[in-house]
Amino acid sequence: MIRAIIFDLDNTLLDFMSMKRKAITAAVDGMVEAGLEIESGEAYDKIMALYESGGWENQEIFNDFLKGATGEVDYKLLAAASLTLSSPSMMWGRGSRRRRDLKWPLPNSASPRKMC
């Protein structure tokens, strides 16, 4: 017997736009730190404009942005954006400890497994 069904309408349980803005800001910071020669605010505005015209779920936005900003998709900059998005501070907030600083075993957790 089904007792409950949980679903999320856009921006009902999770503030998608707030998360998108934070993610874009973090990605831009990572690319600038990796050598992208553009003001962070200008890059943010261009990426937001691309999302508004190309769709919020468009997976090619950062490629399109880099093509427009540098003339090509610079994979070093793209990787910097991706790595910034997967950082603990992006996932858990600015004051978070880095993964390398976490000691195993953590309370109530299993030991880390090797990923193949």
PDB file of N, CA and C in Angstrom:
ATOM      1  N   MET A   1       0.830  -1.164   0.000  1.00  0.00           N
ATOM      2  CA  MET A   1       0.000   0.000   0.000  1.00  0.00           C
ATOM      3  C   MET A   1       0.893   1.253   0.000  1.00  0.00           C
ATOM      4  N   ILE A   2       0.592   2.184  -0.857  1.00  0.00           N
ATOM      5  CA  ILE A   2       1.321   3.450  -0.917  1.00  0.00           C
ATOM      6  C   ILE A   2       0.809   4.345   0.196  1.00  0.00           C
ATOM      7  N   ARG A   3       1.720   4.813   1.036  1.00  0.00           N
ATOM      8  CA  ARG A   3       1.327   5.669   2.159  1.00  0.00           C
ATOM      9  C   ARG A   3       1.544   7.142   1.867  1.00  0.00           C
ATOM     10  N   ALA A   4       2.519   7.442   1.020  1.00  0.00           N
ATOM     11  CA  ALA A   4       2.795   8.848   0.727  1.00  0.00           C
ATOM     12  C   ALA A   4       3.515   8.960  -0.603  1.00  0.00           C
ATOM     13  N   ILE A   5       3.301  10.051  -1.249  1.00  0.00           N
ATOM     14  CA  ILE A   5       4.023  10.389  -2.470  1.00  0.00           C
ATOM     15  C   ILE A   5       4.567  11.802  -2.272  1.00  0.00           C
ATOM     16  N   ILE A   6       5.870  11.925  -2.474  1.00  0.00           N
ATOM     17  CA  ILE A   6       6.502  13.233  -2.332  1.00  0.00           C
ATOM     18  C   ILE A   6       7.011  13.653  -3.700  1.00  0.00           C
ATOM     19  N   PHE A   7       6.690  14.841  -4.086  1.00  0.00           N
ATOM     20  CA  PHE A   7       7.202  15.372  -5.345  1.00  0.00           C
ATOM     21  C   PHE A   7       7.488  16.845  -5.155  1.00  0.00           C
ATOM     22  N   ASP A   8       8.292  17.374  -6.052  1.00  0.00           N
ATOM     23  CA  ASP A   8       8.686  18.773  -5.942  1.00  0.00           C
ATOM     24  C   ASP A   8       8.321  19.490  -7.230  1.00  0.00           C
ATOM     25  N   LEU A   9       7.547  20.550  -7.116  1.00  0.00           N
ATOM     26  CA  LEU A   9       7.317  21.441  -8.237  1.00  0.00           C
ATOM     27  C   LEU A   9       8.443  22.461  -8.201  1.00  0.00           C
ATOM     28  N   ASP A  10       8.818  22.991  -9.325  1.00  0.00           N
ATOM     29  CA  ASP A  10       9.947  23.924  -9.363  1.00  0.00           C
ATOM     30  C   ASP A  10       9.832  24.986  -8.282  1.00  0.00           C
ATOM     31  N   ASN A  11      10.901  25.101  -7.512  1.00  0.00           N
ATOM     32  CA  ASN A  11      11.045  26.094  -6.448  1.00  0.00           C
ATOM     33  C   ASN A  11      10.047  25.948  -5.305  1.00  0.00           C
ATOM     34  N   THR A  12       9.503  24.753  -5.109  1.00  0.00           N
ATOM     35  CA  THR A  12       8.576  24.548  -4.002  1.00  0.00           C
ATOM     36  C   THR A  12       9.332  24.091  -2.759  1.00  0.00           C
ATOM     37  N   LEU A  13      10.016  22.952  -2.849  1.00  0.00           N
ATOM     38  CA  LEU A  13      10.770  22.435  -1.713  1.00  0.00           C
ATOM     39  C   LEU A  13      12.229  22.889  -1.756  1.00  0.00           C
ATOM     40  N   LEU A  14      12.712  23.144  -2.929  1.00  0.00           N
ATOM     41  CA  LEU A  14      14.108  23.501  -3.138  1.00  0.00           C
ATOM     42  C   LEU A  14      14.170  24.768  -3.972  1.00  0.00           C
ATOM     43  N   ASP A  15      14.912  25.750  -3.518  1.00  0.00           N
ATOM     44  CA  ASP A  15      15.029  27.009  -4.244  1.00  0.00           C
ATOM     45  C   ASP A  15      16.057  26.843  -5.363  1.00  0.00           C
ATOM     46  N   PHE A  16      15.584  26.384  -6.510  1.00  0.00           N
ATOM     47  CA  PHE A  16      16.438  26.079  -7.656  1.00  0.00           C
ATOM     48  C   PHE A  16      17.227  27.296  -8.106  1.00  0.00           C
ATOM     49  N   MET A  17      16.610  28.439  -8.201  1.00  0.00           N
ATOM     50  CA  MET A  17      17.294  29.620  -8.722  1.00  0.00           C
ATOM     51  C   MET A  17      18.392  30.098  -7.778  1.00  0.00           C
ATOM     52  N   SER A  18      18.176  29.999  -6.497  1.00  0.00           N
ATOM     53  CA  SER A  18      19.213  30.362  -5.541  1.00  0.00           C
ATOM     54  C   SER A  18      20.416  29.437  -5.684  1.00  0.00           C
ATOM     55  N   MET A  19      20.148  28.152  -5.830  1.00  0.00           N
ATOM     56  CA  MET A  19      21.231  27.188  -6.024  1.00  0.00           C
ATOM     57  C   MET A  19      21.940  27.421  -7.350  1.00  0.00           C
ATOM     58  N   LYS A  20      21.210  27.750  -8.401  1.00  0.00           N
ATOM     59  CA  LYS A  20      21.801  28.016  -9.711  1.00  0.00           C
ATOM     60  C   LYS A  20      22.715  29.229  -9.634  1.00  0.00           C
ATOM     61  N   ARG A  21      22.267  30.290  -8.963  1.00  0.00           N
ATOM     62  CA  ARG A  21      23.092  31.496  -8.821  1.00  0.00           C
ATOM     63  C   ARG A  21      24.387  31.200  -8.063  1.00  0.00           C
ATOM     64  N   LYS A  22      24.281  30.436  -6.976  1.00  0.00           N
ATOM     65  CA  LYS A  22      25.473  30.081  -6.201  1.00  0.00           C
ATOM     66  C   LYS A  22      26.422  29.214  -7.023  1.00  0.00           C
ATOM     67  N   ALA A  23      25.866  28.296  -7.784  1.00  0.00           N
ATOM     68  CA  ALA A  23      26.692  27.416  -8.608  1.00  0.00           C
ATOM     69  C   ALA A  23      27.422  28.205  -9.699  1.00  0.00           C
ATOM     70  N   ILE A  24      26.730  29.125 -10.340  1.00  0.00           N
ATOM     71  CA  ILE A  24      27.362  29.942 -11.382  1.00  0.00           C
ATOM     72  C   ILE A  24      28.465  30.797 -10.776  1.00  0.00           C
ATOM     73  N   THR A  25      28.196  31.409  -9.634  1.00  0.00           N
ATOM     74  CA  THR A  25      29.206  32.233  -8.967  1.00  0.00           C
ATOM     75  C   THR A  25      30.445  31.404  -8.630  1.00  0.00           C
ATOM     76  N   ALA A  26      30.239  30.206  -8.083  1.00  0.00           N
ATOM     77  CA  ALA A  26      31.366  29.336  -7.732  1.00  0.00           C
ATOM     78  C   ALA A  26      32.137  28.905  -8.978  1.00  0.00           C
ATOM     79  N   ALA A  27      31.424  28.551 -10.041  1.00  0.00           N
ATOM     80  CA  ALA A  27      32.079  28.126 -11.280  1.00  0.00           C
ATOM     81  C   ALA A  27      32.895  29.259 -11.891  1.00  0.00           C
ATOM     82  N   VAL A  28      32.343  30.459 -11.894  1.00  0.00           N
ATOM     83  CA  VAL A  28      33.060  31.620 -12.428  1.00  0.00           C
ATOM     84  C   VAL A  28      34.311  31.881 -11.592  1.00  0.00           C
ATOM     85  N   ASP A  29      34.178  31.820 -10.262  1.00  0.00           N
ATOM     86  CA  ASP A  29      35.344  32.017  -9.396  1.00  0.00           C
ATOM     87  C   ASP A  29      36.436  31.006  -9.715  1.00  0.00           C
ATOM     88  N   GLY A  30      36.055  29.753  -9.941  1.00  0.00           N
ATOM     89  CA  GLY A  30      37.025  28.717 -10.280  1.00  0.00           C
ATOM     90  C   GLY A  30      37.709  28.982 -11.605  1.00  0.00           C
ATOM     91  N   MET A  31      36.945  29.428 -12.606  1.00  0.00           N
ATOM     92  CA  MET A  31      37.538  29.706 -13.914  1.00  0.00           C
ATOM     93  C   MET A  31      38.467  30.921 -13.863  1.00  0.00           C
ATOM     94  N   VAL A  32      38.070  31.955 -13.132  1.00  0.00           N
ATOM     95  CA  VAL A  32      38.923  33.147 -13.004  1.00  0.00           C
ATOM     96  C   VAL A  32      40.216  32.783 -12.281  1.00  0.00           C
ATOM     97  N   GLU A  33      40.089  31.972 -11.230  1.00  0.00           N
ATOM     98  CA  GLU A  33      41.266  31.526 -10.490  1.00  0.00           C
ATOM     99  C   GLU A  33      42.194  30.691 -11.375  1.00  0.00           C
ATOM    100  N   ALA A  34      41.623  29.978 -12.348  1.00  0.00           N
ATOM    101  CA  ALA A  34      42.412  29.142 -13.261  1.00  0.00           C
ATOM    102  C   ALA A  34      42.956  29.920 -14.452  1.00  0.00           C
ATOM    103  N   GLY A  35      42.629  31.203 -14.543  1.00  0.00           N
ATOM    104  CA  GLY A  35      43.233  32.008 -15.603  1.00  0.00           C
ATOM    105  C   GLY A  35      42.289  32.682 -16.576  1.00  0.00           C
ATOM    106  N   LEU A  36      40.997  32.539 -16.408  1.00  0.00           N
ATOM    107  CA  LEU A  36      40.050  33.227 -17.290  1.00  0.00           C
ATOM    108  C   LEU A  36      40.196  34.729 -17.087  1.00  0.00           C
ATOM    109  N   GLU A  37      40.451  35.426 -18.168  1.00  0.00           N
ATOM    110  CA  GLU A  37      40.691  36.865 -18.072  1.00  0.00           C
ATOM    111  C   GLU A  37      39.424  37.645 -18.385  1.00  0.00           C
ATOM    112  N   ILE A  38      38.549  37.708 -17.391  1.00  0.00           N
ATOM    113  CA  ILE A  38      37.302  38.455 -17.482  1.00  0.00           C
ATOM    114  C   ILE A  38      36.873  38.772 -16.053  1.00  0.00           C
ATOM    115  N   GLU A  39      36.205  39.869 -15.869  1.00  0.00           N
ATOM    116  CA  GLU A  39      35.687  40.213 -14.543  1.00  0.00           C
ATOM    117  C   GLU A  39      34.617  39.200 -14.139  1.00  0.00           C
ATOM    118  N   SER A  40      34.630  38.797 -12.886  1.00  0.00           N
ATOM    119  CA  SER A  40      33.668  37.801 -12.401  1.00  0.00           C
ATOM    120  C   SER A  40      32.226  38.221 -12.639  1.00  0.00           C
ATOM    121  N   GLY A  41      31.908  39.482 -12.353  1.00  0.00           N
ATOM    122  CA  GLY A  41      30.539  39.974 -12.532  1.00  0.00           C
ATOM    123  C   GLY A  41      30.101  39.927 -13.987  1.00  0.00           C
ATOM    124  N   GLU A  42      30.996  40.274 -14.884  1.00  0.00           N
ATOM    125  CA  GLU A  42      30.689  40.234 -16.312  1.00  0.00           C
ATOM    126  C   GLU A  42      30.457  38.791 -16.777  1.00  0.00           C
ATOM    127  N   ALA A  43      31.309  37.872 -16.312  1.00  0.00           N
ATOM    128  CA  ALA A  43      31.149  36.462 -16.673  1.00  0.00           C
ATOM    129  C   ALA A  43      29.816  35.928 -16.151  1.00  0.00           C
ATOM    130  N   TYR A  44      29.492  36.245 -14.902  1.00  0.00           N
ATOM    131  CA  TYR A  44      28.227  35.815 -14.303  1.00  0.00           C
ATOM    132  C   TYR A  44      27.045  36.307 -15.132  1.00  0.00           C
ATOM    133  N   ASP A  45      27.056  37.591 -15.483  1.00  0.00           N
ATOM    134  CA  ASP A  45      25.957  38.167 -16.268  1.00  0.00           C
ATOM    135  C   ASP A  45      25.816  37.485 -17.622  1.00  0.00           C
ATOM    136  N   LYS A  46      26.935  37.199 -18.279  1.00  0.00           N
ATOM    137  CA  LYS A  46      26.887  36.536 -19.590  1.00  0.00           C
ATOM    138  C   LYS A  46      26.342  35.116 -19.476  1.00  0.00           C
ATOM    139  N   ILE A  47      26.762  34.401 -18.447  1.00  0.00           N
ATOM    140  CA  ILE A  47      26.276  33.027 -18.253  1.00  0.00           C
ATOM    141  C   ILE A  47      24.786  33.032 -17.931  1.00  0.00           C
ATOM    142  N   MET A  48      24.345  33.951 -17.074  1.00  0.00           N
ATOM    143  CA  MET A  48      22.912  34.044 -16.769  1.00  0.00           C
ATOM    144  C   MET A  48      22.109  34.351 -18.025  1.00  0.00           C
ATOM    145  N   ALA A  49      22.610  35.252 -18.864  1.00  0.00           N
ATOM    146  CA  ALA A  49      21.913  35.583 -20.117  1.00  0.00           C
ATOM    147  C   ALA A  49      21.837  34.358 -21.026  1.00  0.00           C
ATOM    148  N   LEU A  50      22.903  33.559 -21.066  1.00  0.00           N
ATOM    149  CA  LEU A  50      22.881  32.335 -21.872  1.00  0.00           C
ATOM    150  C   LEU A  50      21.846  31.348 -21.338  1.00  0.00           C
ATOM    151  N   TYR A  51      21.772  31.213 -20.017  1.00  0.00           N
ATOM    152  CA  TYR A  51      20.749  30.329 -19.436  1.00  0.00           C
ATOM    153  C   TYR A  51      19.346  30.841 -19.746  1.00  0.00           C
ATOM    154  N   GLU A  52      19.134  32.140 -19.649  1.00  0.00           N
ATOM    155  CA  GLU A  52      17.803  32.697 -19.917  1.00  0.00           C
ATOM    156  C   GLU A  52      17.388  32.480 -21.361  1.00  0.00           C
ATOM    157  N   SER A  53      18.332  32.565 -22.286  1.00  0.00           N
ATOM    158  CA  SER A  53      17.983  32.375 -23.702  1.00  0.00           C
ATOM    159  C   SER A  53      18.043  30.916 -24.140  1.00  0.00           C
ATOM    160  N   GLY A  54      18.921  30.125 -23.508  1.00  0.00           N
ATOM    161  CA  GLY A  54      19.121  28.747 -23.951  1.00  0.00           C
ATOM    162  C   GLY A  54      18.449  27.689 -23.115  1.00  0.00           C
ATOM    163  N   GLY A  55      17.869  28.082 -21.986  1.00  0.00           N
ATOM    164  CA  GLY A  55      17.186  27.115 -21.122  1.00  0.00           C
ATOM    165  C   GLY A  55      18.005  26.808 -19.877  1.00  0.00           C
ATOM    166  N   TRP A  56      17.332  26.711 -18.751  1.00  0.00           N
ATOM    167  CA  TRP A  56      17.996  26.523 -17.459  1.00  0.00           C
ATOM    168  C   TRP A  56      18.658  25.172 -17.299  1.00  0.00           C
ATOM    169  N   GLU A  57      18.264  24.201 -18.078  1.00  0.00           N
ATOM    170  CA  GLU A  57      18.854  22.857 -17.985  1.00  0.00           C
ATOM    171  C   GLU A  57      19.818  22.567 -19.127  1.00  0.00           C
ATOM    172  N   ASN A  58      20.148  23.579 -19.917  1.00  0.00           N
ATOM    173  CA  ASN A  58      21.043  23.413 -21.068  1.00  0.00           C
ATOM    174  C   ASN A  58      22.444  23.035 -20.588  1.00  0.00           C
ATOM    175  N   GLN A  59      22.931  21.877 -21.018  1.00  0.00           N
ATOM    176  CA  GLN A  59      24.225  21.365 -20.578  1.00  0.00           C
ATOM    177  C   GLN A  59      25.403  21.978 -21.331  1.00  0.00           C
ATOM    178  N   GLU A  60      25.141  22.794 -22.338  1.00  0.00           N
ATOM    179  CA  GLU A  60      26.206  23.378 -23.156  1.00  0.00           C
ATOM    180  C   GLU A  60      26.502  24.838 -22.818  1.00  0.00           C
ATOM    181  N   ILE A  61      25.875  25.377 -21.789  1.00  0.00           N
ATOM    182  CA  ILE A  61      25.998  26.805 -21.484  1.00  0.00           C
ATOM    183  C   ILE A  61      27.445  27.220 -21.225  1.00  0.00           C
ATOM    184  N   PHE A  62      28.167  26.463 -20.425  1.00  0.00           N
ATOM    185  CA  PHE A  62      29.545  26.850 -20.128  1.00  0.00           C
ATOM    186  C   PHE A  62      30.440  26.723 -21.354  1.00  0.00           C
ATOM    187  N   ASN A  63      30.188  25.731 -22.198  1.00  0.00           N
ATOM    188  CA  ASN A  63      30.924  25.638 -23.467  1.00  0.00           C
ATOM    189  C   ASN A  63      30.649  26.875 -24.314  1.00  0.00           C
ATOM    190  N   ASP A  64      29.376  27.242 -24.423  1.00  0.00           N
ATOM    191  CA  ASP A  64      29.001  28.422 -25.212  1.00  0.00           C
ATOM    192  C   ASP A  64      29.623  29.690 -24.639  1.00  0.00           C
ATOM    193  N   PHE A  65      29.615  29.798 -23.306  1.00  0.00           N
ATOM    194  CA  PHE A  65      30.218  30.966 -22.671  1.00  0.00           C
ATOM    195  C   PHE A  65      31.707  31.050 -22.991  1.00  0.00           C
ATOM    196  N   LEU A  66      32.418  29.928 -22.839  1.00  0.00           N
ATOM    197  CA  LEU A  66      33.863  29.939 -23.098  1.00  0.00           C
ATOM    198  C   LEU A  66      34.175  30.230 -24.556  1.00  0.00           C
ATOM    199  N   LYS A  67      33.359  29.709 -25.476  1.00  0.00           N
ATOM    200  CA  LYS A  67      33.561  30.017 -26.898  1.00  0.00           C
ATOM    201  C   LYS A  67      33.432  31.516 -27.138  1.00  0.00           C
ATOM    202  N   GLY A  68      32.458  32.131 -26.510  1.00  0.00           N
ATOM    203  CA  GLY A  68      32.260  33.567 -26.677  1.00  0.00           C
ATOM    204  C   GLY A  68      33.327  34.397 -25.977  1.00  0.00           C
ATOM    205  N   ALA A  69      33.790  33.939 -24.812  1.00  0.00           N
ATOM    206  CA  ALA A  69      34.745  34.714 -24.020  1.00  0.00           C
ATOM    207  C   ALA A  69      36.187  34.537 -24.482  1.00  0.00           C
ATOM    208  N   THR A  70      36.532  33.324 -24.959  1.00  0.00           N
ATOM    209  CA  THR A  70      37.931  33.050 -25.310  1.00  0.00           C
ATOM    210  C   THR A  70      38.119  32.612 -26.753  1.00  0.00           C
ATOM    211  N   GLY A  71      37.014  32.366 -27.455  1.00  0.00           N
ATOM    212  CA  GLY A  71      37.113  31.903 -28.834  1.00  0.00           C
ATOM    213  C   GLY A  71      37.160  30.392 -28.965  1.00  0.00           C
ATOM    214  N   GLU A  72      37.260  29.696 -27.840  1.00  0.00           N
ATOM    215  CA  GLU A  72      37.305  28.231 -27.861  1.00  0.00           C
ATOM    216  C   GLU A  72      36.843  27.695 -26.511  1.00  0.00           C
ATOM    217  N   VAL A  73      36.589  26.388 -26.462  1.00  0.00           N
ATOM    218  CA  VAL A  73      36.296  25.745 -25.191  1.00  0.00           C
ATOM    219  C   VAL A  73      37.633  25.355 -24.583  1.00  0.00           C
ATOM    220  N   ASP A  74      38.043  26.085 -23.578  1.00  0.00           N
ATOM    221  CA  ASP A  74      39.298  25.797 -22.880  1.00  0.00           C
ATOM    222  C   ASP A  74      38.975  24.779 -21.783  1.00  0.00           C
ATOM    223  N   TYR A  75      39.441  23.536 -21.971  1.00  0.00           N
ATOM    224  CA  TYR A  75      39.068  22.462 -21.059  1.00  0.00           C
ATOM    225  C   TYR A  75      39.691  22.628 -19.673  1.00  0.00           C
ATOM    226  N   LYS A  76      40.784  23.356 -19.577  1.00  0.00           N
ATOM    227  CA  LYS A  76      41.355  23.664 -18.258  1.00  0.00           C
ATOM    228  C   LYS A  76      40.368  24.524 -17.471  1.00  0.00           C
ATOM    229  N   LEU A  77      39.806  25.538 -18.127  1.00  0.00           N
ATOM    230  CA  LEU A  77      38.844  26.410 -17.459  1.00  0.00           C
ATOM    231  C   LEU A  77      37.551  25.675 -17.152  1.00  0.00           C
ATOM    232  N   LEU A  78      37.118  24.834 -18.080  1.00  0.00           N
ATOM    233  CA  LEU A  78      35.903  24.051 -17.866  1.00  0.00           C
ATOM    234  C   LEU A  78      36.085  23.091 -16.690  1.00  0.00           C
ATOM    235  N   ALA A  79      37.257  22.472 -16.595  1.00  0.00           N
ATOM    236  CA  ALA A  79      37.554  21.578 -15.475  1.00  0.00           C
ATOM    237  C   ALA A  79      37.590  22.353 -14.163  1.00  0.00           C
ATOM    238  N   ALA A  80      38.150  23.558 -14.189  1.00  0.00           N
ATOM    239  CA  ALA A  80      38.196  24.381 -12.977  1.00  0.00           C
ATOM    240  C   ALA A  80      36.788  24.694 -12.486  1.00  0.00           C
ATOM    241  N   ALA A  81      35.891  24.988 -13.414  1.00  0.00           N
ATOM    242  CA  ALA A  81      34.497  25.245 -13.037  1.00  0.00           C
ATOM    243  C   ALA A  81      33.873  24.000 -12.417  1.00  0.00           C
ATOM    244  N   SER A  82      34.101  22.848 -13.035  1.00  0.00           N
ATOM    245  CA  SER A  82      33.534  21.590 -12.531  1.00  0.00           C
ATOM    246  C   SER A  82      34.082  21.233 -11.165  1.00  0.00           C
ATOM    247  N   LEU A  83      35.391  21.397 -10.986  1.00  0.00           N
ATOM    248  CA  LEU A  83      35.992  21.064  -9.694  1.00  0.00           C
ATOM    249  C   LEU A  83      35.487  21.980  -8.593  1.00  0.00           C
ATOM    250  N   THR A  84      35.274  23.234  -8.917  1.00  0.00           N
ATOM    251  CA  THR A  84      34.748  24.170  -7.927  1.00  0.00           C
ATOM    252  C   THR A  84      33.348  23.754  -7.497  1.00  0.00           C
ATOM    253  N   LEU A  85      32.551  23.288  -8.449  1.00  0.00           N
ATOM    254  CA  LEU A  85      31.179  22.891  -8.131  1.00  0.00           C
ATOM    255  C   LEU A  85      31.126  21.650  -7.261  1.00  0.00           C
ATOM    256  N   SER A  86      32.145  20.808  -7.318  1.00  0.00           N
ATOM    257  CA  SER A  86      32.143  19.592  -6.501  1.00  0.00           C
ATOM    258  C   SER A  86      32.923  19.750  -5.206  1.00  0.00           C
ATOM    259  N   SER A  87      33.372  20.962  -4.908  1.00  0.00           N
ATOM    260  CA  SER A  87      34.144  21.185  -3.687  1.00  0.00           C
ATOM    261  C   SER A  87      33.247  21.120  -2.454  1.00  0.00           C
ATOM    262  N   PRO A  88      33.810  20.735  -1.314  1.00  0.00           N
ATOM    263  CA  PRO A  88      33.002  20.684  -0.087  1.00  0.00           C
ATOM    264  C   PRO A  88      32.367  22.019   0.277  1.00  0.00           C
ATOM    265  N   SER A  89      33.080  23.136   0.016  1.00  0.00           N
ATOM    266  CA  SER A  89      32.487  24.424   0.371  1.00  0.00           C
ATOM    267  C   SER A  89      31.254  24.714  -0.464  1.00  0.00           C
ATOM    268  N   MET A  90      31.225  24.228  -1.712  1.00  0.00           N
ATOM    269  CA  MET A  90      30.037  24.417  -2.548  1.00  0.00           C
ATOM    270  C   MET A  90      28.918  23.499  -2.074  1.00  0.00           C
ATOM    271  N   MET A  91      29.278  22.258  -1.712  1.00  0.00           N
ATOM    272  CA  MET A  91      28.260  21.294  -1.305  1.00  0.00           C
ATOM    273  C   MET A  91      27.759  21.535   0.109  1.00  0.00           C
ATOM    274  N   TRP A  92      28.659  21.915   1.020  1.00  0.00           N
ATOM    275  CA  TRP A  92      28.284  21.986   2.432  1.00  0.00           C
ATOM    276  C   TRP A  92      28.390  23.370   3.025  1.00  0.00           C
ATOM    277  N   GLY A  93      28.782  24.373   2.262  1.00  0.00           N
ATOM    278  CA  GLY A  93      28.929  25.724   2.788  1.00  0.00           C
ATOM    279  C   GLY A  93      30.386  26.097   2.968  1.00  0.00           C
ATOM    280  N   ARG A  94      30.639  27.378   3.065  1.00  0.00           N
ATOM    281  CA  ARG A  94      32.015  27.898   3.083  1.00  0.00           C
ATOM    282  C   ARG A  94      32.862  27.390   4.249  1.00  0.00           C
ATOM    283  N   GLY A  95      32.303  27.168   5.413  1.00  0.00           N
ATOM    284  CA  GLY A  95      33.108  26.777   6.566  1.00  0.00           C
ATOM    285  C   GLY A  95      33.421  25.294   6.627  1.00  0.00           C
ATOM    286  N   SER A  96      33.085  24.554   5.613  1.00  0.00           N
ATOM    287  CA  SER A  96      33.226  23.107   5.634  1.00  0.00           C
ATOM    288  C   SER A  96      34.683  22.670   5.591  1.00  0.00           C
ATOM    289  N   ARG A  97      34.910  21.522   6.177  1.00  0.00           N
ATOM    290  CA  ARG A  97      36.246  20.946   6.117  1.00  0.00           C
ATOM    291  C   ARG A  97      36.443  20.301   4.754  1.00  0.00           C
ATOM    292  N   ARG A  98      37.655  20.318   4.294  1.00  0.00           N
ATOM    293  CA  ARG A  98      37.957  19.676   3.009  1.00  0.00           C
ATOM    294  C   ARG A  98      37.928  18.165   3.189  1.00  0.00           C
ATOM    295  N   ARG A  99      37.682  17.448   2.091  1.00  0.00           N
ATOM    296  CA  ARG A  99      37.622  15.986   2.161  1.00  0.00           C
ATOM    297  C   ARG A  99      38.895  15.402   2.745  1.00  0.00           C
ATOM    298  N   ARG A 100      40.055  15.962   2.357  1.00  0.00           N
ATOM    299  CA  ARG A 100      41.310  15.389   2.854  1.00  0.00           C
ATOM    300  C   ARG A 100      41.452  15.581   4.358  1.00  0.00           C
ATOM    301  N   ASP A 101      40.718  16.533   4.929  1.00  0.00           N
ATOM    302  CA  ASP A 101      40.798  16.787   6.360  1.00  0.00           C
ATOM    303  C   ASP A 101      39.863  15.885   7.159  1.00  0.00           C
ATOM    304  N   LEU A 102      38.962  15.200   6.487  1.00  0.00           N
ATOM    305  CA  LEU A 102      38.035  14.325   7.194  1.00  0.00           C
ATOM    306  C   LEU A 102      38.765  13.069   7.639  1.00  0.00           C
ATOM    307  N   LYS A 103      38.541  12.674   8.850  1.00  0.00           N
ATOM    308  CA  LYS A 103      39.189  11.488   9.400  1.00  0.00           C
ATOM    309  C   LYS A 103      38.204  10.330   9.402  1.00  0.00           C
ATOM    310  N   TRP A 104      38.672   9.154   8.998  1.00  0.00           N
ATOM    311  CA  TRP A 104      37.839   7.968   8.990  1.00  0.00           C
ATOM    312  C   TRP A 104      38.212   7.130  10.195  1.00  0.00           C
ATOM    313  N   PRO A 105      37.297   6.441  10.815  1.00  0.00           N
ATOM    314  CA  PRO A 105      35.889   6.455  10.471  1.00  0.00           C
ATOM    315  C   PRO A 105      35.185   7.671  11.064  1.00  0.00           C
ATOM    316  N   LEU A 106      34.305   8.228  10.302  1.00  0.00           N
ATOM    317  CA  LEU A 106      33.437   9.280  10.803  1.00  0.00           C
ATOM    318  C   LEU A 106      32.366   8.620  11.657  1.00  0.00           C
ATOM    319  N   PRO A 107      31.842   9.324  12.629  1.00  0.00           N
ATOM    320  CA  PRO A 107      30.779   8.726  13.450  1.00  0.00           C
ATOM    321  C   PRO A 107      29.627   8.249  12.584  1.00  0.00           C
ATOM    322  N   ASN A 108      29.172   7.042  12.849  1.00  0.00           N
ATOM    323  CA  ASN A 108      28.015   6.460  12.155  1.00  0.00           C
ATOM    324  C   ASN A 108      28.209   6.390  10.641  1.00  0.00           C
ATOM    325  N   SER A 109      29.420   6.145  10.185  1.00  0.00           N
ATOM    326  CA  SER A 109      29.623   6.050   8.749  1.00  0.00           C
ATOM    327  C   SER A 109      30.461   4.837   8.418  1.00  0.00           C
ATOM    328  N   ALA A 110      30.307   4.404   7.202  1.00  0.00           N
ATOM    329  CA  ALA A 110      31.118   3.293   6.708  1.00  0.00           C
ATOM    330  C   ALA A 110      32.447   3.845   6.207  1.00  0.00           C
ATOM    331  N   SER A 111      33.451   3.007   6.154  1.00  0.00           N
ATOM    332  CA  SER A 111      34.746   3.421   5.618  1.00  0.00           C
ATOM    333  C   SER A 111      34.604   3.733   4.139  1.00  0.00           C
ATOM    334  N   PRO A 112      35.448   4.640   3.644  1.00  0.00           N
ATOM    335  CA  PRO A 112      35.345   4.972   2.212  1.00  0.00           C
ATOM    336  C   PRO A 112      35.760   3.779   1.365  1.00  0.00           C
ATOM    337  N   ARG A 113      35.101   3.638   0.234  1.00  0.00           N
ATOM    338  CA  ARG A 113      35.435   2.572  -0.690  1.00  0.00           C
ATOM    339  C   ARG A 113      36.190   3.162  -1.857  1.00  0.00           C
ATOM    340  N   LYS A 114      37.072   2.369  -2.438  1.00  0.00           N
ATOM    341  CA  LYS A 114      37.775   2.807  -3.623  1.00  0.00           C
ATOM    342  C   LYS A 114      36.794   2.810  -4.780  1.00  0.00           C
ATOM    343  N   MET A 115      36.860   3.864  -5.571  1.00  0.00           N
ATOM    344  CA  MET A 115      36.007   3.986  -6.756  1.00  0.00           C
ATOM    345  C   MET A 115      36.818   3.541  -7.963  1.00  0.00           C
ATOM    346  N   CYS A 116      36.254   2.715  -8.771  1.00  0.00           N
ATOM    347  CA  CYS A 116      36.962   2.262  -9.984  1.00  0.00           C
ATOM    348  C   CYS A 116      36.567   3.082 -11.166  1.00  0.00           C
TER     349      CYS A 116
END
